[in-house]
Amino acid sequence: MKIRPLGERVLVKRIEEEEVRKGNIIIPDTAKEKPQQGEVIAVGPGRWDDGGKRRAPEVKEGDRILFGKYAGNEVKVGDEEFLIMREDDILGIIE
């Protein structure tokens, strides 16, 4: 199945952070925070401006991004989980 975002929406796959341990303390998966970094998988065509022209998105497929803790809606396709969020929810691009 292929997902194509509409308007100014972006399809993002979370990038899992490496597990860091201090001493012998192991944090269970249920207590860990979800990562706030992701890779852009697909981008919508952009939103319409006040003049009736489509404004192209600033992000593109393959960009690594930072987003807010509660940004986007979770979508599960097969065994993979994705986020669909508005471009405004993206805080920055990691270069």
PDB file of N, CA and C in Angstrom:
ATOM      1  N   MET A   1       0.839  -1.169   0.000  1.00  0.00           N
ATOM      2  CA  MET A   1       0.000   0.000   0.000  1.00  0.00           C
ATOM      3  C   MET A   1       0.895   1.248   0.000  1.00  0.00           C
ATOM      4  N   LYS A   2       0.496   2.242  -0.757  1.00  0.00           N
ATOM      5  CA  LYS A   2       1.267   3.476  -0.842  1.00  0.00           C
ATOM      6  C   LYS A   2       0.396   4.619  -0.336  1.00  0.00           C
ATOM      7  N   ILE A   3       0.986   5.515   0.453  1.00  0.00           N
ATOM      8  CA  ILE A   3       0.257   6.654   0.991  1.00  0.00           C
ATOM      9  C   ILE A   3       0.786   7.925   0.345  1.00  0.00           C
ATOM     10  N   ARG A   4      -0.120   8.765  -0.137  1.00  0.00           N
ATOM     11  CA  ARG A   4       0.251  10.050  -0.720  1.00  0.00           C
ATOM     12  C   ARG A   4      -0.434  11.134   0.107  1.00  0.00           C
ATOM     13  N   PRO A   5       0.330  11.940   0.845  1.00  0.00           N
ATOM     14  CA  PRO A   5      -0.263  12.996   1.664  1.00  0.00           C
ATOM     15  C   PRO A   5      -0.932  14.063   0.796  1.00  0.00           C
ATOM     16  N   LEU A   6      -1.959  14.682   1.323  1.00  0.00           N
ATOM     17  CA  LEU A   6      -2.672  15.737   0.629  1.00  0.00           C
ATOM     18  C   LEU A   6      -2.293  17.104   1.192  1.00  0.00           C
ATOM     19  N   GLY A   7      -2.421  18.130   0.374  1.00  0.00           N
ATOM     20  CA  GLY A   7      -2.190  19.503   0.821  1.00  0.00           C
ATOM     21  C   GLY A   7      -0.798  19.704   1.373  1.00  0.00           C
ATOM     22  N   GLU A   8      -0.725  20.282   2.557  1.00  0.00           N
ATOM     23  CA  GLU A   8       0.558  20.592   3.180  1.00  0.00           C
ATOM     24  C   GLU A   8       1.024  19.500   4.152  1.00  0.00           C
ATOM     25  N   ARG A   9       0.464  18.327   4.027  1.00  0.00           N
ATOM     26  CA  ARG A   9       0.814  17.255   4.955  1.00  0.00           C
ATOM     27  C   ARG A   9       2.060  16.496   4.502  1.00  0.00           C
ATOM     28  N   VAL A  10       2.713  15.869   5.484  1.00  0.00           N
ATOM     29  CA  VAL A  10       3.971  15.163   5.259  1.00  0.00           C
ATOM     30  C   VAL A  10       3.877  13.799   5.941  1.00  0.00           C
ATOM     31  N   LEU A  11       4.357  12.755   5.271  1.00  0.00           N
ATOM     32  CA  LEU A  11       4.413  11.410   5.831  1.00  0.00           C
ATOM     33  C   LEU A  11       5.822  11.195   6.382  1.00  0.00           C
ATOM     34  N   VAL A  12       5.911  10.841   7.666  1.00  0.00           N
ATOM     35  CA  VAL A  12       7.199  10.747   8.357  1.00  0.00           C
ATOM     36  C   VAL A  12       7.327   9.395   9.026  1.00  0.00           C
ATOM     37  N   LYS A  13       8.539   8.831   8.946  1.00  0.00           N
ATOM     38  CA  LYS A  13       8.862   7.614   9.693  1.00  0.00           C
ATOM     39  C   LYS A  13       9.810   8.005  10.817  1.00  0.00           C
ATOM     40  N   ARG A  14       9.458   7.634  12.036  1.00  0.00           N
ATOM     41  CA  ARG A  14      10.311   7.966  13.190  1.00  0.00           C
ATOM     42  C   ARG A  14      11.669   7.293  13.063  1.00  0.00           C
ATOM     43  N   ILE A  15      12.708   7.986  13.520  1.00  0.00           N
ATOM     44  CA  ILE A  15      14.052   7.432  13.575  1.00  0.00           C
ATOM     45  C   ILE A  15      14.309   7.057  15.024  1.00  0.00           C
ATOM     46  N   GLU A  16      14.485   5.776  15.254  1.00  0.00           N
ATOM     47  CA  GLU A  16      14.715   5.290  16.612  1.00  0.00           C
ATOM     48  C   GLU A  16      16.115   5.681  17.075  1.00  0.00           C
ATOM     49  N   GLU A  17      16.184   6.209  18.287  1.00  0.00           N
ATOM     50  CA  GLU A  17      17.467   6.586  18.857  1.00  0.00           C
ATOM     51  C   GLU A  17      18.137   5.355  19.455  1.00  0.00           C
ATOM     52  N   GLU A  18      19.455   5.383  19.484  1.00  0.00           N
ATOM     53  CA  GLU A  18      20.189   4.265  20.070  1.00  0.00           C
ATOM     54  C   GLU A  18      19.974   4.239  21.575  1.00  0.00           C
ATOM     55  N   GLU A  19      19.933   3.037  22.121  1.00  0.00           N
ATOM     56  CA  GLU A  19      19.706   2.874  23.550  1.00  0.00           C
ATOM     57  C   GLU A  19      20.963   3.247  24.332  1.00  0.00           C
ATOM     58  N   VAL A  20      20.784   4.127  25.309  1.00  0.00           N
ATOM     59  CA  VAL A  20      21.900   4.564  26.138  1.00  0.00           C
ATOM     60  C   VAL A  20      21.650   4.035  27.546  1.00  0.00           C
ATOM     61  N   ARG A  21      22.661   3.391  28.104  1.00  0.00           N
ATOM     62  CA  ARG A  21      22.541   2.842  29.455  1.00  0.00           C
ATOM     63  C   ARG A  21      23.568   3.499  30.361  1.00  0.00           C
ATOM     64  N   LYS A  22      23.155   3.724  31.588  1.00  0.00           N
ATOM     65  CA  LYS A  22      24.081   4.181  32.619  1.00  0.00           C
ATOM     66  C   LYS A  22      24.018   3.152  33.742  1.00  0.00           C
ATOM     67  N   GLY A  23      25.123   2.532  34.004  1.00  0.00           N
ATOM     68  CA  GLY A  23      25.132   1.477  35.004  1.00  0.00           C
ATOM     69  C   GLY A  23      24.376   0.269  34.486  1.00  0.00           C
ATOM     70  N   ASN A  24      23.619  -0.355  35.351  1.00  0.00           N
ATOM     71  CA  ASN A  24      22.845  -1.536  34.961  1.00  0.00           C
ATOM     72  C   ASN A  24      21.351  -1.262  34.932  1.00  0.00           C
ATOM     73  N   ILE A  25      20.970   0.001  34.794  1.00  0.00           N
ATOM     74  CA  ILE A  25      19.555   0.344  34.771  1.00  0.00           C
ATOM     75  C   ILE A  25      19.028   0.182  33.354  1.00  0.00           C
ATOM     76  N   ILE A  26      17.974  -0.585  33.219  1.00  0.00           N
ATOM     77  CA  ILE A  26      17.333  -0.799  31.922  1.00  0.00           C
ATOM     78  C   ILE A  26      15.939  -0.185  31.998  1.00  0.00           C
ATOM     79  N   ILE A  27      15.640   0.698  31.066  1.00  0.00           N
ATOM     80  CA  ILE A  27      14.330   1.346  31.038  1.00  0.00           C
ATOM     81  C   ILE A  27      13.415   0.537  30.128  1.00  0.00           C
ATOM     82  N   PRO A  28      12.242   0.120  30.627  1.00  0.00           N
ATOM     83  CA  PRO A  28      11.332  -0.660  29.774  1.00  0.00           C
ATOM     84  C   PRO A  28      10.791   0.196  28.624  1.00  0.00           C
ATOM     85  N   ASP A  29      10.396  -0.478  27.550  1.00  0.00           N
ATOM     86  CA  ASP A  29       9.891   0.226  26.365  1.00  0.00           C
ATOM     87  C   ASP A  29       8.682   1.101  26.676  1.00  0.00           C
ATOM     88  N   THR A  30       7.856   0.691  27.615  1.00  0.00           N
ATOM     89  CA  THR A  30       6.650   1.462  27.932  1.00  0.00           C
ATOM     90  C   THR A  30       6.981   2.783  28.615  1.00  0.00           C
ATOM     91  N   ALA A  31       8.145   2.897  29.234  1.00  0.00           N
ATOM     92  CA  ALA A  31       8.523   4.126  29.933  1.00  0.00           C
ATOM     93  C   ALA A  31       9.356   5.065  29.067  1.00  0.00           C
ATOM     94  N   LYS A  32       9.798   4.588  27.922  1.00  0.00           N
ATOM     95  CA  LYS A  32      10.628   5.414  27.047  1.00  0.00           C
ATOM     96  C   LYS A  32       9.768   6.411  26.280  1.00  0.00           C
ATOM     97  N   GLU A  33      10.343   7.578  26.024  1.00  0.00           N
ATOM     98  CA  GLU A  33       9.655   8.560  25.194  1.00  0.00           C
ATOM     99  C   GLU A  33       9.878   8.215  23.735  1.00  0.00           C
ATOM    100  N   LYS A  34       8.906   8.550  22.918  1.00  0.00           N
ATOM    101  CA  LYS A  34       9.046   8.302  21.482  1.00  0.00           C
ATOM    102  C   LYS A  34      10.005   9.329  20.900  1.00  0.00           C
ATOM    103  N   PRO A  35      10.775   8.930  19.917  1.00  0.00           N
ATOM    104  CA  PRO A  35      11.737   9.867  19.323  1.00  0.00           C
ATOM    105  C   PRO A  35      11.036  11.023  18.633  1.00  0.00           C
ATOM    106  N   GLN A  36      11.712  12.167  18.627  1.00  0.00           N
ATOM    107  CA  GLN A  36      11.165  13.365  18.003  1.00  0.00           C
ATOM    108  C   GLN A  36      11.922  13.696  16.727  1.00  0.00           C
ATOM    109  N   GLN A  37      12.568  12.701  16.160  1.00  0.00           N
ATOM    110  CA  GLN A  37      13.253  12.849  14.883  1.00  0.00           C
ATOM    111  C   GLN A  37      12.639  11.871  13.901  1.00  0.00           C
ATOM    112  N   GLY A  38      12.657  12.243  12.631  1.00  0.00           N
ATOM    113  CA  GLY A  38      12.098  11.348  11.639  1.00  0.00           C
ATOM    114  C   GLY A  38      12.651  11.634  10.257  1.00  0.00           C
ATOM    115  N   GLU A  39      12.313  10.743   9.351  1.00  0.00           N
ATOM    116  CA  GLU A  39      12.702  10.898   7.955  1.00  0.00           C
ATOM    117  C   GLU A  39      11.438  11.100   7.138  1.00  0.00           C
ATOM    118  N   VAL A  40      11.466  12.092   6.260  1.00  0.00           N
ATOM    119  CA  VAL A  40      10.316  12.385   5.409  1.00  0.00           C
ATOM    120  C   VAL A  40      10.233  11.315   4.327  1.00  0.00           C
ATOM    121  N   ILE A  41       9.103  10.627   4.267  1.00  0.00           N
ATOM    122  CA  ILE A  41       8.885   9.563   3.297  1.00  0.00           C
ATOM    123  C   ILE A  41       8.149  10.096   2.071  1.00  0.00           C
ATOM    124  N   ALA A  42       7.150  10.949   2.283  1.00  0.00           N
ATOM    125  CA  ALA A  42       6.378  11.518   1.175  1.00  0.00           C
ATOM    126  C   ALA A  42       5.899  12.902   1.568  1.00  0.00           C
ATOM    127  N   VAL A  43       5.708  13.766   0.575  1.00  0.00           N
ATOM    128  CA  VAL A  43       5.302  15.152   0.800  1.00  0.00           C
ATOM    129  C   VAL A  43       4.109  15.460  -0.098  1.00  0.00           C
ATOM    130  N   GLY A  44       3.120  16.156   0.458  1.00  0.00           N
ATOM    131  CA  GLY A  44       1.968  16.588  -0.328  1.00  0.00           C
ATOM    132  C   GLY A  44       2.360  17.720  -1.272  1.00  0.00           C
ATOM    133  N   PRO A  45       1.460  18.117  -2.152  1.00  0.00           N
ATOM    134  CA  PRO A  45       1.771  19.152  -3.148  1.00  0.00           C
ATOM    135  C   PRO A  45       1.925  20.554  -2.578  1.00  0.00           C
ATOM    136  N   GLY A  46       1.530  20.793  -1.347  1.00  0.00           N
ATOM    137  CA  GLY A  46       1.646  22.114  -0.735  1.00  0.00           C
ATOM    138  C   GLY A  46       0.281  22.737  -0.531  1.00  0.00           C
ATOM    139  N   ARG A  47       0.274  23.872   0.154  1.00  0.00           N
ATOM    140  CA  ARG A  47      -1.011  24.523   0.436  1.00  0.00           C
ATOM    141  C   ARG A  47      -1.235  25.710  -0.493  1.00  0.00           C
ATOM    142  N   TRP A  48      -2.473  26.142  -0.540  1.00  0.00           N
ATOM    143  CA  TRP A  48      -2.839  27.285  -1.371  1.00  0.00           C
ATOM    144  C   TRP A  48      -2.615  28.566  -0.586  1.00  0.00           C
ATOM    145  N   ASP A  49      -2.026  29.577  -1.220  1.00  0.00           N
ATOM    146  CA  ASP A  49      -1.847  30.862  -0.552  1.00  0.00           C
ATOM    147  C   ASP A  49      -3.075  31.742  -0.807  1.00  0.00           C
ATOM    148  N   ASP A  50      -3.047  32.961  -0.287  1.00  0.00           N
ATOM    149  CA  ASP A  50      -4.185  33.866  -0.413  1.00  0.00           C
ATOM    150  C   ASP A  50      -4.446  34.286  -1.858  1.00  0.00           C
ATOM    151  N   GLY A  51      -3.428  34.248  -2.688  1.00  0.00           N
ATOM    152  CA  GLY A  51      -3.577  34.632  -4.087  1.00  0.00           C
ATOM    153  C   GLY A  51      -4.076  33.503  -4.979  1.00  0.00           C
ATOM    154  N   GLY A  52      -4.318  32.324  -4.424  1.00  0.00           N
ATOM    155  CA  GLY A  52      -4.813  31.203  -5.203  1.00  0.00           C
ATOM    156  C   GLY A  52      -3.729  30.372  -5.860  1.00  0.00           C
ATOM    157  N   LYS A  53      -2.467  30.604  -5.462  1.00  0.00           N
ATOM    158  CA  LYS A  53      -1.360  29.814  -6.014  1.00  0.00           C
ATOM    159  C   LYS A  53      -0.909  28.805  -4.971  1.00  0.00           C
ATOM    160  N   ARG A  54      -0.418  27.670  -5.469  1.00  0.00           N
ATOM    161  CA  ARG A  54       0.060  26.628  -4.562  1.00  0.00           C
ATOM    162  C   ARG A  54       1.483  26.958  -4.105  1.00  0.00           C
ATOM    163  N   ARG A  55       1.690  26.915  -2.793  1.00  0.00           N
ATOM    164  CA  ARG A  55       3.005  27.163  -2.200  1.00  0.00           C
ATOM    165  C   ARG A  55       3.706  25.823  -1.995  1.00  0.00           C
ATOM    166  N   ALA A  56       4.856  25.655  -2.612  1.00  0.00           N
ATOM    167  CA  ALA A  56       5.604  24.390  -2.515  1.00  0.00           C
ATOM    168  C   ALA A  56       6.115  24.173  -1.091  1.00  0.00           C
ATOM    169  N   PRO A  57       6.119  22.930  -0.621  1.00  0.00           N
ATOM    170  CA  PRO A  57       6.636  22.633   0.731  1.00  0.00           C
ATOM    171  C   PRO A  57       8.140  22.889   0.825  1.00  0.00           C
ATOM    172  N   GLU A  58       8.595  23.218   2.035  1.00  0.00           N
ATOM    173  CA  GLU A  58      10.022  23.466   2.267  1.00  0.00           C
ATOM    174  C   GLU A  58      10.805  22.181   2.471  1.00  0.00           C
ATOM    175  N   VAL A  59      10.133  21.097   2.860  1.00  0.00           N
ATOM    176  CA  VAL A  59      10.813  19.817   3.061  1.00  0.00           C
ATOM    177  C   VAL A  59      10.645  18.949   1.822  1.00  0.00           C
ATOM    178  N   LYS A  60      11.534  17.974   1.688  1.00  0.00           N
ATOM    179  CA  LYS A  60      11.450  17.053   0.561  1.00  0.00           C
ATOM    180  C   LYS A  60      11.694  15.635   1.069  1.00  0.00           C
ATOM    181  N   GLU A  61      11.400  14.673   0.242  1.00  0.00           N
ATOM    182  CA  GLU A  61      11.601  13.278   0.626  1.00  0.00           C
ATOM    183  C   GLU A  61      13.062  13.030   0.971  1.00  0.00           C
ATOM    184  N   GLY A  62      13.293  12.290   2.048  1.00  0.00           N
ATOM    185  CA  GLY A  62      14.649  11.964   2.467  1.00  0.00           C
ATOM    186  C   GLY A  62      15.206  12.906   3.524  1.00  0.00           C
ATOM    187  N   ASP A  63      14.567  14.070   3.763  1.00  0.00           N
ATOM    188  CA  ASP A  63      15.036  15.000   4.793  1.00  0.00           C
ATOM    189  C   ASP A  63      14.861  14.388   6.170  1.00  0.00           C
ATOM    190  N   ARG A  64      15.839  14.649   7.055  1.00  0.00           N
ATOM    191  CA  ARG A  64      15.703  14.293   8.471  1.00  0.00           C
ATOM    192  C   ARG A  64      15.182  15.514   9.178  1.00  0.00           C
ATOM    193  N   ILE A  65      14.127  15.338   9.973  1.00  0.00           N
ATOM    194  CA  ILE A  65      13.468  16.476  10.590  1.00  0.00           C
ATOM    195  C   ILE A  65      13.320  16.307  12.098  1.00  0.00           C
ATOM    196  N   LEU A  66      13.061  17.406  12.766  1.00  0.00           N
ATOM    197  CA  LEU A  66      12.685  17.440  14.180  1.00  0.00           C
ATOM    198  C   LEU A  66      11.233  17.877  14.247  1.00  0.00           C
ATOM    199  N   PHE A  67      10.460  17.261  15.132  1.00  0.00           N
ATOM    200  CA  PHE A  67       9.065  17.654  15.288  1.00  0.00           C
ATOM    201  C   PHE A  67       8.691  17.602  16.757  1.00  0.00           C
ATOM    202  N   GLY A  68       7.578  18.227  17.097  1.00  0.00           N
ATOM    203  CA  GLY A  68       7.110  18.290  18.475  1.00  0.00           C
ATOM    204  C   GLY A  68       6.696  16.933  19.016  1.00  0.00           C
ATOM    205  N   LYS A  69       6.669  16.841  20.327  1.00  0.00           N
ATOM    206  CA  LYS A  69       6.375  15.582  21.011  1.00  0.00           C
ATOM    207  C   LYS A  69       5.000  15.016  20.632  1.00  0.00           C
ATOM    208  N   TYR A  70       4.014  15.884  20.483  1.00  0.00           N
ATOM    209  CA  TYR A  70       2.652  15.423  20.210  1.00  0.00           C
ATOM    210  C   TYR A  70       2.199  15.761  18.784  1.00  0.00           C
ATOM    211  N   ALA A  71       3.135  15.974  17.883  1.00  0.00           N
ATOM    212  CA  ALA A  71       2.811  16.361  16.504  1.00  0.00           C
ATOM    213  C   ALA A  71       2.317  15.173  15.697  1.00  0.00           C
ATOM    214  N   GLY A  72       1.393  15.422  14.816  1.00  0.00           N
ATOM    215  CA  GLY A  72       0.965  14.426  13.841  1.00  0.00           C
ATOM    216  C   GLY A  72       0.011  13.377  14.362  1.00  0.00           C
ATOM    217  N   ASN A  73      -0.458  12.564  13.438  1.00  0.00           N
ATOM    218  CA  ASN A  73      -1.348  11.434  13.727  1.00  0.00           C
ATOM    219  C   ASN A  73      -0.634  10.150  13.340  1.00  0.00           C
ATOM    220  N   GLU A  74      -0.683   9.170  14.230  1.00  0.00           N
ATOM    221  CA  GLU A  74      -0.023   7.902  13.955  1.00  0.00           C
ATOM    222  C   GLU A  74      -0.867   7.064  13.000  1.00  0.00           C
ATOM    223  N   VAL A  75      -0.197   6.457  12.025  1.00  0.00           N
ATOM    224  CA  VAL A  75      -0.848   5.606  11.032  1.00  0.00           C
ATOM    225  C   VAL A  75      -0.027   4.331  10.924  1.00  0.00           C
ATOM    226  N   LYS A  76      -0.697   3.185  10.929  1.00  0.00           N
ATOM    227  CA  LYS A  76       0.012   1.920  10.792  1.00  0.00           C
ATOM    228  C   LYS A  76      -0.345   1.309   9.442  1.00  0.00           C
ATOM    229  N   VAL A  77       0.680   1.029   8.644  1.00  0.00           N
ATOM    230  CA  VAL A  77       0.508   0.405   7.339  1.00  0.00           C
ATOM    231  C   VAL A  77       1.303  -0.891   7.360  1.00  0.00           C
ATOM    232  N   GLY A  78       0.602  -2.003   7.344  1.00  0.00           N
ATOM    233  CA  GLY A  78       1.283  -3.289   7.470  1.00  0.00           C
ATOM    234  C   GLY A  78       1.916  -3.383   8.848  1.00  0.00           C
ATOM    235  N   ASP A  79       3.213  -3.619   8.886  1.00  0.00           N
ATOM    236  CA  ASP A  79       3.937  -3.702  10.156  1.00  0.00           C
ATOM    237  C   ASP A  79       4.635  -2.399  10.516  1.00  0.00           C
ATOM    238  N   GLU A  80       4.567  -1.405   9.644  1.00  0.00           N
ATOM    239  CA  GLU A  80       5.295  -0.161   9.870  1.00  0.00           C
ATOM    240  C   GLU A  80       4.378   0.932  10.397  1.00  0.00           C
ATOM    241  N   GLU A  81       4.945   1.780  11.275  1.00  0.00           N
ATOM    242  CA  GLU A  81       4.198   2.912  11.817  1.00  0.00           C
ATOM    243  C   GLU A  81       4.756   4.205  11.241  1.00  0.00           C
ATOM    244  N   PHE A  82       3.864   5.096  10.874  1.00  0.00           N
ATOM    245  CA  PHE A  82       4.222   6.387  10.307  1.00  0.00           C
ATOM    246  C   PHE A  82       3.465   7.484  11.033  1.00  0.00           C
ATOM    247  N   LEU A  83       3.871   8.710  10.784  1.00  0.00           N
ATOM    248  CA  LEU A  83       3.149   9.884  11.250  1.00  0.00           C
ATOM    249  C   LEU A  83       2.742  10.701  10.035  1.00  0.00           C
ATOM    250  N   ILE A  84       1.528  11.220  10.051  1.00  0.00           N
ATOM    251  CA  ILE A  84       1.115  12.200   9.054  1.00  0.00           C
ATOM    252  C   ILE A  84       0.933  13.498   9.811  1.00  0.00           C
ATOM    253  N   MET A  85       1.675  14.520   9.401  1.00  0.00           N
ATOM    254  CA  MET A  85       1.616  15.799  10.106  1.00  0.00           C
ATOM    255  C   MET A  85       1.602  16.949   9.119  1.00  0.00           C
ATOM    256  N   ARG A  86       1.193  18.083   9.593  1.00  0.00           N
ATOM    257  CA  ARG A  86       1.238  19.295   8.788  1.00  0.00           C
ATOM    258  C   ARG A  86       2.677  19.795   8.742  1.00  0.00           C
ATOM    259  N   GLU A  87       3.006  20.480   7.681  1.00  0.00           N
ATOM    260  CA  GLU A  87       4.354  21.030   7.557  1.00  0.00           C
ATOM    261  C   GLU A  87       4.637  22.018   8.694  1.00  0.00           C
ATOM    262  N   ASP A  88       3.619  22.688   9.199  1.00  0.00           N
ATOM    263  CA  ASP A  88       3.787  23.641  10.299  1.00  0.00           C
ATOM    264  C   ASP A  88       4.233  22.964  11.594  1.00  0.00           C
ATOM    265  N   ASP A  89       3.986  21.652  11.747  1.00  0.00           N
ATOM    266  CA  ASP A  89       4.384  20.917  12.948  1.00  0.00           C
ATOM    267  C   ASP A  89       5.867  20.579  12.955  1.00  0.00           C
ATOM    268  N   ILE A  90       6.527  20.753  11.829  1.00  0.00           N
ATOM    269  CA  ILE A  90       7.956  20.447  11.731  1.00  0.00           C
ATOM    270  C   ILE A  90       8.748  21.624  12.293  1.00  0.00           C
ATOM    271  N   LEU A  91       9.639  21.312  13.251  1.00  0.00           N
ATOM    272  CA  LEU A  91      10.416  22.358  13.916  1.00  0.00           C
ATOM    273  C   LEU A  91      11.678  22.735  13.149  1.00  0.00           C
ATOM    274  N   GLY A  92      12.277  21.761  12.445  1.00  0.00           N
ATOM    275  CA  GLY A  92      13.499  22.048  11.712  1.00  0.00           C
ATOM    276  C   GLY A  92      13.975  20.847  10.920  1.00  0.00           C
ATOM    277  N   ILE A  93      14.920  21.126  10.023  1.00  0.00           N
ATOM    278  CA  ILE A  93      15.542  20.087   9.207  1.00  0.00           C
ATOM    279  C   ILE A  93      16.947  19.851   9.733  1.00  0.00           C
ATOM    280  N   ILE A  94      17.323  18.597   9.944  1.00  0.00           N
ATOM    281  CA  ILE A  94      18.657  18.258  10.430  1.00  0.00           C
ATOM    282  C   ILE A  94      19.578  18.134   9.225  1.00  0.00           C
ATOM    283  N   GLU A  95      20.660  18.900   9.237  1.00  0.00           N
ATOM    284  CA  GLU A  95      21.611  18.857   8.106  1.00  0.00           C
ATOM    285  C   GLU A  95      22.889  18.174   8.506  1.00  0.00           C
TER     286      GLU A  95
END
